[in-house]
């Protein structure tokens, strides 16, 4: 849930240089995916385990 934090979203671009490129890209993607939870919560009022599973199932990490 911390990825939905307005404080993180406002400051991530300024702070991301402290992390590796891979970490920065992953956090950027996680923030975008977390926005889907927020949008769904606004529509439905609450989220179910299935909602989390549906969104999480589409998030893939490819290790190099």
N, C-alpha and C. Protein backbone atom coordinates (compact mmCIF):
# COMPACT_ATOMS: atom_id res chain seq x y z
N UNK A 1 0.81 -1.20 0.00
CA UNK A 1 0.00 0.00 0.00
C UNK A 1 0.85 1.27 0.00
N UNK A 2 2.11 1.16 0.43
CA UNK A 2 2.94 2.36 0.47
C UNK A 2 3.17 2.91 -0.93
N UNK A 3 3.00 2.09 -1.97
CA UNK A 3 3.17 2.58 -3.33
C UNK A 3 2.06 3.54 -3.74
N UNK A 4 0.97 3.54 -3.00
CA UNK A 4 -0.13 4.46 -3.29
C UNK A 4 0.02 5.77 -2.53
N UNK A 5 1.07 5.90 -1.77
CA UNK A 5 1.31 7.10 -0.96
C UNK A 5 1.54 8.32 -1.84
N UNK A 6 0.76 9.38 -1.63
CA UNK A 6 1.00 10.62 -2.38
C UNK A 6 2.41 11.17 -2.14
N UNK A 7 2.92 10.98 -0.95
CA UNK A 7 4.27 11.48 -0.63
C UNK A 7 5.31 10.76 -1.50
N UNK A 8 5.20 9.44 -1.60
CA UNK A 8 6.13 8.69 -2.46
C UNK A 8 5.98 9.13 -3.91
N UNK A 9 4.76 9.19 -4.39
CA UNK A 9 4.53 9.56 -5.79
C UNK A 9 5.07 10.94 -6.11
N UNK A 10 4.93 11.87 -5.21
CA UNK A 10 5.41 13.24 -5.43
C UNK A 10 6.94 13.32 -5.42
N UNK A 11 7.58 12.46 -4.64
CA UNK A 11 9.03 12.58 -4.45
C UNK A 11 9.86 11.52 -5.15
N UNK A 12 9.24 10.50 -5.70
CA UNK A 12 9.99 9.38 -6.27
C UNK A 12 10.93 9.83 -7.38
N UNK A 13 10.48 10.66 -8.29
CA UNK A 13 11.35 11.09 -9.40
C UNK A 13 12.61 11.78 -8.88
N UNK A 14 12.47 12.57 -7.85
CA UNK A 14 13.64 13.28 -7.30
C UNK A 14 14.55 12.33 -6.54
N UNK A 15 13.99 11.27 -5.96
CA UNK A 15 14.78 10.36 -5.13
C UNK A 15 15.31 9.13 -5.88
N UNK A 16 14.73 8.85 -7.02
CA UNK A 16 15.05 7.58 -7.70
C UNK A 16 16.50 7.47 -8.13
N UNK A 17 17.20 8.59 -8.29
CA UNK A 17 18.59 8.52 -8.71
C UNK A 17 19.47 7.77 -7.70
N UNK A 18 18.99 7.65 -6.47
CA UNK A 18 19.74 6.96 -5.43
C UNK A 18 19.75 5.44 -5.62
N UNK A 19 18.95 4.94 -6.54
CA UNK A 19 18.78 3.51 -6.73
C UNK A 19 19.25 3.10 -8.11
N UNK A 20 19.47 1.82 -8.29
CA UNK A 20 19.90 1.34 -9.61
C UNK A 20 18.79 1.57 -10.63
N UNK A 21 19.17 1.55 -11.89
CA UNK A 21 18.20 1.73 -12.97
C UNK A 21 17.10 0.67 -12.90
N UNK A 22 17.50 -0.57 -12.66
CA UNK A 22 16.52 -1.66 -12.57
C UNK A 22 15.53 -1.44 -11.44
N UNK A 23 16.02 -1.02 -10.29
CA UNK A 23 15.14 -0.75 -9.15
C UNK A 23 14.20 0.40 -9.48
N UNK A 24 14.73 1.44 -10.09
CA UNK A 24 13.90 2.59 -10.47
C UNK A 24 12.79 2.19 -11.42
N UNK A 25 13.13 1.37 -12.41
CA UNK A 25 12.12 0.93 -13.38
C UNK A 25 11.06 0.06 -12.70
N UNK A 26 11.50 -0.80 -11.79
CA UNK A 26 10.54 -1.66 -11.11
C UNK A 26 9.59 -0.84 -10.23
N UNK A 27 10.12 0.12 -9.49
CA UNK A 27 9.27 0.96 -8.64
C UNK A 27 8.31 1.77 -9.50
N UNK A 28 8.79 2.30 -10.63
CA UNK A 28 7.89 3.03 -11.54
C UNK A 28 6.72 2.14 -11.96
N UNK A 29 7.03 0.89 -12.33
CA UNK A 29 5.98 -0.03 -12.75
C UNK A 29 5.04 -0.37 -11.60
N UNK A 30 5.60 -0.57 -10.42
CA UNK A 30 4.77 -0.88 -9.25
C UNK A 30 3.83 0.27 -8.91
N UNK A 31 4.32 1.49 -9.03
CA UNK A 31 3.46 2.65 -8.78
C UNK A 31 2.31 2.68 -9.79
N UNK A 32 2.62 2.43 -11.05
CA UNK A 32 1.56 2.41 -12.07
C UNK A 32 0.54 1.32 -11.78
N UNK A 33 1.01 0.15 -11.40
CA UNK A 33 0.10 -0.95 -11.09
C UNK A 33 -0.73 -0.64 -9.84
N UNK A 34 -0.12 0.01 -8.86
CA UNK A 34 -0.86 0.33 -7.64
C UNK A 34 -1.99 1.32 -7.92
N UNK A 35 -1.80 2.14 -8.95
CA UNK A 35 -2.87 3.07 -9.34
C UNK A 35 -4.13 2.32 -9.77
N UNK A 36 -3.95 1.13 -10.31
CA UNK A 36 -5.11 0.32 -10.71
C UNK A 36 -5.94 -0.07 -9.48
N UNK A 37 -5.28 -0.34 -8.37
CA UNK A 37 -6.00 -0.64 -7.13
C UNK A 37 -6.82 0.56 -6.69
N UNK A 38 -6.20 1.73 -6.75
CA UNK A 38 -6.89 2.95 -6.34
C UNK A 38 -8.12 3.19 -7.22
N UNK A 39 -7.95 3.06 -8.52
CA UNK A 39 -9.07 3.26 -9.44
C UNK A 39 -10.19 2.26 -9.18
N UNK A 40 -9.83 1.02 -8.96
CA UNK A 40 -10.84 0.00 -8.71
C UNK A 40 -11.54 0.24 -7.38
N UNK A 41 -10.79 0.68 -6.37
CA UNK A 41 -11.39 0.96 -5.06
C UNK A 41 -12.37 2.12 -5.16
N UNK A 42 -12.05 3.13 -5.96
CA UNK A 42 -12.96 4.27 -6.14
C UNK A 42 -14.26 3.79 -6.80
N UNK A 43 -14.13 2.91 -7.79
CA UNK A 43 -15.32 2.40 -8.48
C UNK A 43 -16.19 1.52 -7.59
N UNK A 44 -15.54 0.60 -6.86
CA UNK A 44 -16.27 -0.42 -6.11
C UNK A 44 -16.51 -0.07 -4.65
N UNK A 45 -15.68 0.80 -4.10
CA UNK A 45 -15.78 1.14 -2.69
C UNK A 45 -14.89 0.29 -1.80
N UNK A 46 -14.65 -0.94 -2.21
CA UNK A 46 -13.77 -1.83 -1.45
C UNK A 46 -13.19 -2.86 -2.42
N UNK A 47 -12.09 -3.44 -2.05
CA UNK A 47 -11.44 -4.44 -2.90
C UNK A 47 -11.55 -5.83 -2.27
N UNK A 48 -11.66 -6.81 -3.12
CA UNK A 48 -11.69 -8.20 -2.67
C UNK A 48 -10.33 -8.84 -2.94
N UNK A 49 -10.12 -10.01 -2.38
CA UNK A 49 -8.90 -10.75 -2.68
C UNK A 49 -8.79 -11.02 -4.17
N UNK A 50 -9.92 -11.26 -4.81
CA UNK A 50 -9.91 -11.52 -6.26
C UNK A 50 -9.44 -10.30 -7.03
N UNK A 51 -9.81 -9.11 -6.59
CA UNK A 51 -9.34 -7.88 -7.24
C UNK A 51 -7.82 -7.79 -7.18
N UNK A 52 -7.27 -8.07 -6.01
CA UNK A 52 -5.81 -8.05 -5.86
C UNK A 52 -5.16 -9.10 -6.75
N UNK A 53 -5.74 -10.28 -6.77
CA UNK A 53 -5.20 -11.36 -7.60
C UNK A 53 -5.25 -11.01 -9.08
N UNK A 54 -6.36 -10.42 -9.53
CA UNK A 54 -6.51 -10.07 -10.94
C UNK A 54 -5.45 -9.06 -11.39
N UNK A 55 -5.23 -8.06 -10.58
CA UNK A 55 -4.25 -7.03 -10.95
C UNK A 55 -2.83 -7.58 -10.80
N UNK A 56 -2.56 -8.30 -9.74
CA UNK A 56 -1.22 -8.84 -9.49
C UNK A 56 -0.82 -9.88 -10.53
N UNK A 57 -1.78 -10.62 -11.04
CA UNK A 57 -1.48 -11.66 -12.02
C UNK A 57 -0.89 -11.08 -13.30
N UNK A 58 -1.19 -9.84 -13.59
CA UNK A 58 -0.68 -9.21 -14.81
C UNK A 58 0.68 -8.55 -14.63
N UNK A 59 1.24 -8.61 -13.44
CA UNK A 59 2.54 -7.99 -13.19
C UNK A 59 3.62 -9.06 -13.23
N UNK A 60 4.50 -8.94 -14.20
CA UNK A 60 5.57 -9.91 -14.37
C UNK A 60 6.91 -9.21 -14.18
N UNK A 61 7.83 -9.92 -13.57
CA UNK A 61 9.20 -9.43 -13.42
C UNK A 61 10.11 -10.40 -14.15
N UNK A 62 10.92 -9.85 -15.04
CA UNK A 62 11.88 -10.67 -15.78
C UNK A 62 13.26 -10.37 -15.23
N UNK A 63 13.88 -11.40 -14.70
CA UNK A 63 15.22 -11.25 -14.14
C UNK A 63 16.25 -11.41 -15.24
N UNK A 64 17.28 -10.60 -15.16
CA UNK A 64 18.35 -10.69 -16.17
C UNK A 64 19.50 -11.49 -15.63
